[in-house]
Amino acid sequence: MIIYLDEPATARLLDNLWRMLEPEGFLFLGYTENLPGLRQIYDRVSSQDYVAYRKPGPSCPARTEWSAAAPEQRPARPTPSAKPVPALAVARPGPEPGKSVAQRCELARQHCLADRHGAAMEAVEGILAQSPQCARARLLKGYLLTGRGERAAAIEECVKVLDVDPLRAEAHLLLGMLLEQAGDAEDAVGEVRKALYLEPGLALAHYTLGKLRAGQGERDEAVRAFAEAIRVLHARPDAAVAAELPVELGPRALMDLAEQHLTRLALGGPVP
């Protein structure tokens, strides 16, 4: 639900969660709750199946106040080393000579998966400065903007991707998810269906369609969509749930969520 809050409300909520957690306690979030500020105050726990952050214990550096401001405006954690680090040691290198656009896009995707979103955006902007028609780089930029809460800019990037490559299923999926956030469920359904027409094995698209149809009261269609997500995940257990979109949710976690929604629908309850 955090993605639906404005910045002051987000800051208050995260400050309250921080105070409620014991040292070494865990904060689990949904895979769409991409909040870069958390990485300034929590230790991220890497996993393919969930998104979690651990509150540092007494021996860790003191916490700084969470802010919804841009990441570069947030105070960084103090380094444990007392020795100054030479500027050249921390400067990010530019693109390595000889690397293709595809290799640089993959590097940016790996930055996203490793929670290095600042480095990912820097890499993507570098690619687009030289190759503005690179659909994959624009898709990654749209994903990163979504994580920052810049929905309008992310939608614009999705449109630019589809102008260049109208058959890119992941761009239709991301656009559908953004339209869902904006409250435009009907157009969101249309975009997700386009994604599935182009790539029937896109598990996250089946799951997203299930949530959309359940929210519209179309329970039978929601059941079919969740069941299809589970079937795809069983058939392709090692495949990424969203292909080129570097979401942090793994196949096992997505399958569990789809099964939970099916159970709620079978019992006549709402799907959150």
C-alpha atoms as a PDB file:
ATOM      1  CA  MET A   1       0.000   0.000   0.000  1.00  0.00           C
ATOM      2  CA  ILE A   2       2.950   2.405   0.445  1.00  0.00           C
ATOM      3  CA  ILE A   3       3.048   3.222  -3.266  1.00  0.00           C
ATOM      4  CA  TYR A   4      -0.369   4.887  -2.914  1.00  0.00           C
ATOM      5  CA  LEU A   5       0.716   7.316  -0.167  1.00  0.00           C
ATOM      6  CA  ASP A   6       2.135  10.800  -0.620  1.00  0.00           C
ATOM      7  CA  GLU A   7       5.666  11.575   0.589  1.00  0.00           C
ATOM      8  CA  PRO A   8       4.811  13.006   4.058  1.00  0.00           C
ATOM      9  CA  ALA A   9       2.525  10.045   4.834  1.00  0.00           C
ATOM     10  CA  THR A  10       5.180   7.608   3.612  1.00  0.00           C
ATOM     11  CA  ALA A  11       7.784   9.215   5.850  1.00  0.00           C
ATOM     12  CA  ARG A  12       5.481   9.057   8.918  1.00  0.00           C
ATOM     13  CA  LEU A  13       4.600   5.415   8.240  1.00  0.00           C
ATOM     14  CA  LEU A  14       8.211   4.323   7.831  1.00  0.00           C
ATOM     15  CA  ASP A  15       9.286   6.226  10.943  1.00  0.00           C
ATOM     16  CA  ASN A  16       6.546   4.460  12.942  1.00  0.00           C
ATOM     17  CA  LEU A  17       7.579   1.056  11.575  1.00  0.00           C
ATOM     18  CA  TRP A  18      11.184   1.803  12.524  1.00  0.00           C
ATOM     19  CA  ARG A  19      10.223   2.602  16.117  1.00  0.00           C
ATOM     20  CA  MET A  20       8.094  -0.558  16.388  1.00  0.00           C
ATOM     21  CA  LEU A  21      10.876  -2.864  15.237  1.00  0.00           C
ATOM     22  CA  GLU A  22      13.289  -4.396  17.725  1.00  0.00           C
ATOM     23  CA  PRO A  23      17.004  -4.232  16.854  1.00  0.00           C
ATOM     24  CA  GLU A  24      17.747  -7.016  14.342  1.00  0.00           C
ATOM     25  CA  GLY A  25      14.000  -7.043  13.479  1.00  0.00           C
ATOM     26  CA  PHE A  26      12.816  -7.514   9.901  1.00  0.00           C
ATOM     27  CA  LEU A  27      10.594  -5.383   7.676  1.00  0.00           C
ATOM     28  CA  PHE A  28       8.954  -7.336   4.834  1.00  0.00           C
ATOM     29  CA  LEU A  29       7.512  -5.430   1.883  1.00  0.00           C
ATOM     30  CA  GLY A  30       5.594  -6.198  -1.269  1.00  0.00           C
ATOM     31  CA  TYR A  31       7.664  -6.479  -4.414  1.00  0.00           C
ATOM     32  CA  THR A  32       6.255  -3.198  -5.800  1.00  0.00           C
ATOM     33  CA  GLU A  33       7.285  -1.191  -2.708  1.00  0.00           C
ATOM     34  CA  ASN A  34      10.573   0.065  -4.107  1.00  0.00           C
ATOM     35  CA  LEU A  35      11.724   2.759  -1.642  1.00  0.00           C
ATOM     36  CA  PRO A  36      15.415   3.651  -2.055  1.00  0.00           C
ATOM     37  CA  GLY A  37      15.491   5.502   1.280  1.00  0.00           C
ATOM     38  CA  LEU A  38      15.139   2.237   3.186  1.00  0.00           C
ATOM     39  CA  ARG A  39      18.600   1.196   2.082  1.00  0.00           C
ATOM     40  CA  GLN A  40      20.041   4.174   3.957  1.00  0.00           C
ATOM     41  CA  ILE A  41      18.741   2.957   7.329  1.00  0.00           C
ATOM     42  CA  TYR A  42      18.216  -0.807   7.008  1.00  0.00           C
ATOM     43  CA  ASP A  43      20.411  -3.705   5.963  1.00  0.00           C
ATOM     44  CA  ARG A  44      18.791  -5.291   2.915  1.00  0.00           C
ATOM     45  CA  VAL A  45      18.372  -9.077   3.048  1.00  0.00           C
ATOM     46  CA  SER A  46      18.928 -10.530  -0.409  1.00  0.00           C
ATOM     47  CA  SER A  47      16.504 -13.167  -1.612  1.00  0.00           C
ATOM     48  CA  GLN A  48      14.826 -14.261  -4.825  1.00  0.00           C
ATOM     49  CA  ASP A  49      11.556 -14.909  -2.994  1.00  0.00           C
ATOM     50  CA  TYR A  50      10.838 -11.813  -0.892  1.00  0.00           C
ATOM     51  CA  VAL A  51      11.876  -8.232  -0.170  1.00  0.00           C
ATOM     52  CA  ALA A  52      13.150  -7.776   3.385  1.00  0.00           C
ATOM     53  CA  TYR A  53      15.164  -5.263   5.371  1.00  0.00           C
ATOM     54  CA  ARG A  54      16.810  -5.794   8.784  1.00  0.00           C
ATOM     55  CA  LYS A  55      17.002  -3.049  11.398  1.00  0.00           C
ATOM     56  CA  PRO A  56      20.635  -2.755  12.518  1.00  0.00           C
ATOM     57  CA  GLY A  57      21.528  -3.906  16.006  1.00  0.00           C
ATOM     58  CA  PRO A  58      23.249  -1.881  18.747  1.00  0.00           C
ATOM     59  CA  SER A  59      26.694  -2.317  17.204  1.00  0.00           C
ATOM     60  CA  CYS A  60      25.623  -0.780  13.879  1.00  0.00           C
ATOM     61  CA  PRO A  61      25.815   2.941  13.047  1.00  0.00           C
ATOM     62  CA  ALA A  62      23.083   5.139  14.436  1.00  0.00           C
ATOM     63  CA  ARG A  63      19.994   5.559  12.322  1.00  0.00           C
ATOM     64  CA  THR A  64      19.342   8.793  10.453  1.00  0.00           C
ATOM     65  CA  GLU A  65      15.797  10.091  10.030  1.00  0.00           C
ATOM     66  CA  TRP A  66      14.038   8.606   7.007  1.00  0.00           C
ATOM     67  CA  SER A  67      13.101  11.171   4.400  1.00  0.00           C
ATOM     68  CA  ALA A  68      11.062  10.890   1.238  1.00  0.00           C
ATOM     69  CA  ALA A  69      13.478  13.261  -0.476  1.00  0.00           C
ATOM     70  CA  ALA A  70      15.577  12.172  -3.417  1.00  0.00           C
ATOM     71  CA  PRO A  71      18.291   9.599  -2.566  1.00  0.00           C
ATOM     72  CA  GLU A  72      21.128  12.043  -3.178  1.00  0.00           C
ATOM     73  CA  GLN A  73      19.631  14.359  -0.525  1.00  0.00           C
ATOM     74  CA  ARG A  74      19.548  11.691   2.179  1.00  0.00           C
ATOM     75  CA  PRO A  75      22.469  11.354   4.593  1.00  0.00           C
ATOM     76  CA  ALA A  76      24.524   8.256   3.942  1.00  0.00           C
ATOM     77  CA  ARG A  77      25.538   5.864   6.690  1.00  0.00           C
ATOM     78  CA  PRO A  78      28.930   6.674   8.166  1.00  0.00           C
ATOM     79  CA  THR A  79      31.666   4.445   6.886  1.00  0.00           C
ATOM     80  CA  PRO A  80      33.184   2.166   9.557  1.00  0.00           C
ATOM     81  CA  SER A  81      36.689   3.039   8.392  1.00  0.00           C
ATOM     82  CA  ALA A  82      38.323   6.119   9.884  1.00  0.00           C
ATOM     83  CA  LYS A  83      40.750   6.410   6.952  1.00  0.00           C
ATOM     84  CA  PRO A  84      39.616   8.765   4.194  1.00  0.00           C
ATOM     85  CA  VAL A  85      38.907   7.038   0.929  1.00  0.00           C
ATOM     86  CA  PRO A  86      40.588   8.617  -2.092  1.00  0.00           C
ATOM     87  CA  ALA A  87      38.105  10.107  -4.520  1.00  0.00           C
ATOM     88  CA  LEU A  88      39.318   7.886  -7.344  1.00  0.00           C
ATOM     89  CA  ALA A  89      38.491   4.791  -5.294  1.00  0.00           C
ATOM     90  CA  VAL A  90      34.798   5.633  -5.039  1.00  0.00           C
ATOM     91  CA  ALA A  91      34.190   7.303  -8.376  1.00  0.00           C
ATOM     92  CA  ARG A  92      31.975   5.281 -10.695  1.00  0.00           C
ATOM     93  CA  PRO A  93      33.734   4.398 -13.938  1.00  0.00           C
ATOM     94  CA  GLY A  94      32.141   5.224 -17.268  1.00  0.00           C
ATOM     95  CA  PRO A  95      31.166   2.580 -19.799  1.00  0.00           C
ATOM     96  CA  GLU A  96      33.960   0.133 -20.428  1.00  0.00           C
ATOM     97  CA  PRO A  97      35.396   0.441 -23.930  1.00  0.00           C
ATOM     98  CA  GLY A  98      34.215  -2.327 -26.214  1.00  0.00           C
ATOM     99  CA  LYS A  99      31.009  -3.131 -24.329  1.00  0.00           C
ATOM    100  CA  SER A 100      27.948  -3.437 -26.547  1.00  0.00           C
ATOM    101  CA  VAL A 101      24.633  -1.737 -25.786  1.00  0.00           C
ATOM    102  CA  ALA A 102      23.163  -5.140 -24.908  1.00  0.00           C
ATOM    103  CA  GLN A 103      25.982  -5.800 -22.413  1.00  0.00           C
ATOM    104  CA  ARG A 104      25.533  -2.369 -20.850  1.00  0.00           C
ATOM    105  CA  CYS A 105      21.775  -2.938 -20.556  1.00  0.00           C
ATOM    106  CA  GLU A 106      22.414  -6.247 -18.821  1.00  0.00           C
ATOM    107  CA  LEU A 107      24.830  -4.531 -16.436  1.00  0.00           C
ATOM    108  CA  ALA A 108      22.136  -1.954 -15.617  1.00  0.00           C
ATOM    109  CA  ARG A 109      19.648  -4.787 -14.984  1.00  0.00           C
ATOM    110  CA  GLN A 110      22.133  -6.481 -12.651  1.00  0.00           C
ATOM    111  CA  HIS A 111      22.533  -3.186 -10.766  1.00  0.00           C
ATOM    112  CA  CYS A 112      18.735  -3.156 -10.271  1.00  0.00           C
ATOM    113  CA  LEU A 113      18.693  -6.734  -8.993  1.00  0.00           C
ATOM    114  CA  ALA A 114      21.524  -5.902  -6.584  1.00  0.00           C
ATOM    115  CA  ASP A 115      19.567  -2.895  -5.252  1.00  0.00           C
ATOM    116  CA  ARG A 116      22.029  -0.408  -6.763  1.00  0.00           C
ATOM    117  CA  HIS A 117      19.336   1.739  -8.343  1.00  0.00           C
ATOM    118  CA  GLY A 118      21.461   4.876  -8.519  1.00  0.00           C
ATOM    119  CA  ALA A 119      24.144   3.046 -10.491  1.00  0.00           C
ATOM    120  CA  ALA A 120      21.450   1.473 -12.670  1.00  0.00           C
ATOM    121  CA  MET A 121      19.941   4.867 -13.551  1.00  0.00           C
ATOM    122  CA  GLU A 122      23.383   6.267 -14.297  1.00  0.00           C
ATOM    123  CA  ALA A 123      24.099   3.350 -16.620  1.00  0.00           C
ATOM    124  CA  VAL A 124      20.708   3.665 -18.348  1.00  0.00           C
ATOM    125  CA  GLU A 125      21.098   7.414 -18.870  1.00  0.00           C
ATOM    126  CA  GLY A 126      24.529   6.775 -20.377  1.00  0.00           C
ATOM    127  CA  ILE A 127      23.069   4.262 -22.824  1.00  0.00           C
ATOM    128  CA  LEU A 128      20.207   6.553 -23.822  1.00  0.00           C
ATOM    129  CA  ALA A 129      22.576   9.496 -24.347  1.00  0.00           C
ATOM    130  CA  GLN A 130      24.239   7.466 -27.094  1.00  0.00           C
ATOM    131  CA  SER A 131      21.302   5.284 -28.221  1.00  0.00           C
ATOM    132  CA  PRO A 132      18.017   7.123 -27.485  1.00  0.00           C
ATOM    133  CA  GLN A 133      16.025   4.480 -29.391  1.00  0.00           C
ATOM    134  CA  CYS A 134      17.215   1.609 -27.173  1.00  0.00           C
ATOM    135  CA  ALA A 135      13.912   0.088 -26.026  1.00  0.00           C
ATOM    136  CA  ARG A 136      15.482  -2.082 -23.337  1.00  0.00           C
ATOM    137  CA  ALA A 137      17.250   0.861 -21.695  1.00  0.00           C
ATOM    138  CA  ARG A 138      14.016   2.907 -21.783  1.00  0.00           C
ATOM    139  CA  LEU A 139      12.142  -0.007 -20.197  1.00  0.00           C
ATOM    140  CA  LEU A 140      14.682  -0.137 -17.366  1.00  0.00           C
ATOM    141  CA  LYS A 141      14.395   3.626 -16.925  1.00  0.00           C
ATOM    142  CA  GLY A 142      10.607   3.289 -16.685  1.00  0.00           C
ATOM    143  CA  TYR A 143      11.027   0.597 -14.035  1.00  0.00           C
ATOM    144  CA  LEU A 144      13.459   2.748 -12.045  1.00  0.00           C
ATOM    145  CA  LEU A 145      11.157   5.773 -12.253  1.00  0.00           C
ATOM    146  CA  THR A 146       8.308   3.574 -11.000  1.00  0.00           C
ATOM    147  CA  GLY A 147      10.405   2.725  -7.963  1.00  0.00           C
ATOM    148  CA  ARG A 148      10.957   6.413  -7.295  1.00  0.00           C
ATOM    149  CA  GLY A 149       7.222   7.052  -7.360  1.00  0.00           C
ATOM    150  CA  GLU A 150       7.485   9.146 -10.547  1.00  0.00           C
ATOM    151  CA  ARG A 151       4.470   7.502 -12.166  1.00  0.00           C
ATOM    152  CA  ALA A 152       3.825  10.041 -14.924  1.00  0.00           C
ATOM    153  CA  ALA A 153       7.456   9.965 -16.057  1.00  0.00           C
ATOM    154  CA  ALA A 154       7.453   6.146 -15.923  1.00  0.00           C
ATOM    155  CA  ILE A 155       4.309   5.991 -18.074  1.00  0.00           C
ATOM    156  CA  GLU A 156       5.965   8.342 -20.559  1.00  0.00           C
ATOM    157  CA  GLU A 157       8.966   6.005 -20.794  1.00  0.00           C
ATOM    158  CA  CYS A 158       6.672   3.020 -21.405  1.00  0.00           C
ATOM    159  CA  VAL A 159       4.991   4.917 -24.236  1.00  0.00           C
ATOM    160  CA  LYS A 160       8.404   5.716 -25.735  1.00  0.00           C
ATOM    161  CA  VAL A 161       9.366   2.030 -25.533  1.00  0.00           C
ATOM    162  CA  LEU A 162       6.183   1.008 -27.342  1.00  0.00           C
ATOM    163  CA  ASP A 163       6.722   3.693 -29.982  1.00  0.00           C
ATOM    164  CA  VAL A 164      10.034   2.012 -30.778  1.00  0.00           C
ATOM    165  CA  ASP A 165       8.975  -1.600 -30.171  1.00  0.00           C
ATOM    166  CA  PRO A 166       5.196  -2.093 -29.907  1.00  0.00           C
ATOM    167  CA  LEU A 167       5.690  -5.837 -29.458  1.00  0.00           C
ATOM    168  CA  ARG A 168       7.663  -5.596 -26.212  1.00  0.00           C
ATOM    169  CA  ALA A 169       5.475  -7.481 -23.740  1.00  0.00           C
ATOM    170  CA  GLU A 170       7.226  -6.206 -20.607  1.00  0.00           C
ATOM    171  CA  ALA A 171       6.500  -2.590 -21.565  1.00  0.00           C
ATOM    172  CA  HIS A 172       2.780  -3.377 -21.836  1.00  0.00           C
ATOM    173  CA  LEU A 173       2.950  -5.136 -18.449  1.00  0.00           C
ATOM    174  CA  LEU A 174       4.728  -2.244 -16.719  1.00  0.00           C
ATOM    175  CA  LEU A 175       2.314   0.238 -18.287  1.00  0.00           C
ATOM    176  CA  GLY A 176      -0.611  -1.881 -17.059  1.00  0.00           C
ATOM    177  CA  MET A 177       0.789  -1.938 -13.522  1.00  0.00           C
ATOM    178  CA  LEU A 178       1.254   1.841 -13.605  1.00  0.00           C
ATOM    179  CA  LEU A 179      -2.298   2.369 -14.855  1.00  0.00           C
ATOM    180  CA  GLU A 180      -3.535   0.122 -12.031  1.00  0.00           C
ATOM    181  CA  GLN A 181      -1.740   2.361  -9.532  1.00  0.00           C
ATOM    182  CA  ALA A 182      -3.378   5.383 -11.152  1.00  0.00           C
ATOM    183  CA  GLY A 183      -6.831   3.823 -10.664  1.00  0.00           C
ATOM    184  CA  ASP A 184      -7.430   3.143 -14.370  1.00  0.00           C
ATOM    185  CA  ALA A 185      -8.275  -0.539 -14.012  1.00  0.00           C
ATOM    186  CA  GLU A 186      -9.940  -1.016 -17.405  1.00  0.00           C
ATOM    187  CA  ASP A 187      -7.008   0.333 -19.438  1.00  0.00           C
ATOM    188  CA  ALA A 188      -4.656  -1.576 -17.123  1.00  0.00           C
ATOM    189  CA  VAL A 189      -6.457  -4.823 -18.008  1.00  0.00           C
ATOM    190  CA  GLY A 190      -6.072  -4.004 -21.702  1.00  0.00           C
ATOM    191  CA  GLU A 191      -2.312  -3.464 -21.403  1.00  0.00           C
ATOM    192  CA  VAL A 192      -1.767  -6.621 -19.356  1.00  0.00           C
ATOM    193  CA  ARG A 193      -3.755  -8.639 -21.876  1.00  0.00           C
ATOM    194  CA  LYS A 194      -1.565  -7.259 -24.661  1.00  0.00           C
ATOM    195  CA  ALA A 195       1.475  -8.400 -22.685  1.00  0.00           C
ATOM    196  CA  LEU A 196       0.036 -11.916 -22.379  1.00  0.00           C
ATOM    197  CA  TYR A 197      -0.887 -12.051 -26.062  1.00  0.00           C
ATOM    198  CA  LEU A 198       2.737 -11.269 -26.917  1.00  0.00           C
ATOM    199  CA  GLU A 199       4.277 -13.440 -24.170  1.00  0.00           C
ATOM    200  CA  PRO A 200       1.929 -16.059 -22.659  1.00  0.00           C
ATOM    201  CA  GLY A 201       4.678 -17.223 -20.296  1.00  0.00           C
ATOM    202  CA  LEU A 202       4.877 -13.913 -18.422  1.00  0.00           C
ATOM    203  CA  ALA A 203       3.901 -15.141 -14.958  1.00  0.00           C
ATOM    204  CA  LEU A 204       3.685 -11.713 -13.337  1.00  0.00           C
ATOM    205  CA  ALA A 205       1.267 -10.594 -16.069  1.00  0.00           C
ATOM    206  CA  HIS A 206      -1.120 -13.496 -15.274  1.00  0.00           C
ATOM    207  CA  TYR A 207      -0.902 -12.644 -11.574  1.00  0.00           C
ATOM    208  CA  THR A 208      -1.488  -8.916 -12.221  1.00  0.00           C
ATOM    209  CA  LEU A 209      -4.476  -9.720 -14.422  1.00  0.00           C
ATOM    210  CA  GLY A 210      -5.889 -11.867 -11.611  1.00  0.00           C
ATOM    211  CA  LYS A 211      -5.668  -8.999  -9.144  1.00  0.00           C
ATOM    212  CA  LEU A 212      -7.222  -6.570 -11.594  1.00  0.00           C
ATOM    213  CA  ARG A 213     -10.147  -8.848 -12.428  1.00  0.00           C
ATOM    214  CA  ALA A 214     -10.733  -9.656  -8.762  1.00  0.00           C
ATOM    215  CA  GLY A 215     -10.818  -5.928  -7.991  1.00  0.00           C
ATOM    216  CA  GLN A 216     -13.452  -5.504 -10.709  1.00  0.00           C
ATOM    217  CA  GLY A 217     -15.577  -8.273  -9.208  1.00  0.00           C
ATOM    218  CA  GLU A 218     -14.843 -10.700 -12.070  1.00  0.00           C
ATOM    219  CA  ARG A 219     -14.090 -13.616  -9.776  1.00  0.00           C
ATOM    220  CA  ASP A 220     -14.171 -16.392 -12.407  1.00  0.00           C
ATOM    221  CA  GLU A 221     -11.705 -14.533 -14.622  1.00  0.00           C
ATOM    222  CA  ALA A 222      -9.540 -13.795 -11.594  1.00  0.00           C
ATOM    223  CA  VAL A 223      -9.464 -17.498 -10.669  1.00  0.00           C
ATOM    224  CA  ARG A 224      -8.444 -18.425 -14.217  1.00  0.00           C
ATOM    225  CA  ALA A 225      -5.672 -15.816 -14.240  1.00  0.00           C
ATOM    226  CA  PHE A 226      -4.225 -16.878 -10.865  1.00  0.00           C
ATOM    227  CA  ALA A 227      -4.437 -20.539 -11.867  1.00  0.00           C
ATOM    228  CA  GLU A 228      -2.616 -19.781 -15.118  1.00  0.00           C
ATOM    229  CA  ALA A 229       0.108 -17.922 -13.204  1.00  0.00           C
ATOM    230  CA  ILE A 230       0.633 -21.024 -11.062  1.00  0.00           C
ATOM    231  CA  ARG A 231       0.660 -23.289 -14.130  1.00  0.00           C
ATOM    232  CA  VAL A 232       3.299 -21.125 -15.842  1.00  0.00           C
ATOM    233  CA  LEU A 233       5.429 -21.027 -12.702  1.00  0.00           C
ATOM    234  CA  HIS A 234       5.259 -24.817 -12.356  1.00  0.00           C
ATOM    235  CA  ALA A 235       6.175 -25.269 -16.015  1.00  0.00           C
ATOM    236  CA  ARG A 236       9.064 -22.774 -15.898  1.00  0.00           C
ATOM    237  CA  PRO A 237      10.338 -22.736 -12.293  1.00  0.00           C
ATOM    238  CA  ASP A 238      13.674 -21.164 -13.208  1.00  0.00           C
ATOM    239  CA  ALA A 239      12.311 -18.411 -15.463  1.00  0.00           C
ATOM    240  CA  ALA A 240      12.155 -14.793 -14.301  1.00  0.00           C
ATOM    241  CA  VAL A 241       8.595 -13.842 -13.356  1.00  0.00           C
ATOM    242  CA  ALA A 242       8.699 -10.676 -15.479  1.00  0.00           C
ATOM    243  CA  ALA A 243      11.380 -11.436 -18.095  1.00  0.00           C
ATOM    244  CA  GLU A 244      13.421  -8.225 -18.561  1.00  0.00           C
ATOM    245  CA  LEU A 245      11.768  -6.329 -15.699  1.00  0.00           C
ATOM    246  CA  PRO A 246      14.169  -6.741 -12.748  1.00  0.00           C
ATOM    247  CA  VAL A 247      11.500  -7.225 -10.063  1.00  0.00           C
ATOM    248  CA  GLU A 248      12.762  -8.602  -6.764  1.00  0.00           C
ATOM    249  CA  LEU A 249       9.953 -11.135  -6.448  1.00  0.00           C
ATOM    250  CA  GLY A 250      10.961 -14.738  -7.125  1.00  0.00           C
ATOM    251  CA  PRO A 251       8.909 -17.584  -8.634  1.00  0.00           C
ATOM    252  CA  ARG A 252       8.252 -19.308  -5.299  1.00  0.00           C
ATOM    253  CA  ALA A 253       6.954 -16.134  -3.661  1.00  0.00           C
ATOM    254  CA  LEU A 254       4.732 -15.290  -6.640  1.00  0.00           C
ATOM    255  CA  MET A 255       3.302 -18.810  -6.625  1.00  0.00           C
ATOM    256  CA  ASP A 256       2.523 -18.527  -2.912  1.00  0.00           C
ATOM    257  CA  LEU A 257       0.746 -15.208  -3.483  1.00  0.00           C
ATOM    258  CA  ALA A 258      -1.319 -16.614  -6.354  1.00  0.00           C
ATOM    259  CA  GLU A 259      -2.307 -19.633  -4.236  1.00  0.00           C
ATOM    260  CA  GLN A 260      -3.321 -17.357  -1.344  1.00  0.00           C
ATOM    261  CA  HIS A 261      -5.532 -15.305  -3.667  1.00  0.00           C
ATOM    262  CA  LEU A 262      -7.142 -18.462  -5.059  1.00  0.00           C
ATOM    263  CA  THR A 263      -7.897 -19.616  -1.519  1.00  0.00           C
ATOM    264  CA  ARG A 264      -9.509 -16.259  -0.631  1.00  0.00           C
ATOM    265  CA  LEU A 265     -11.601 -16.334  -3.797  1.00  0.00           C
ATOM    266  CA  ALA A 266     -12.720 -19.903  -3.075  1.00  0.00           C
ATOM    267  CA  LEU A 267     -13.809 -18.805   0.411  1.00  0.00           C
ATOM    268  CA  GLY A 268     -15.637 -15.790  -0.966  1.00  0.00           C
ATOM    269  CA  GLY A 269     -13.268 -13.259   0.545  1.00  0.00           C
ATOM    270  CA  PRO A 270     -11.708 -10.178  -1.088  1.00  0.00           C
ATOM    271  CA  VAL A 271      -8.320 -10.177  -2.796  1.00  0.00           C
ATOM    272  CA  PRO A 272      -6.110  -7.411  -1.339  1.00  0.00           C
END
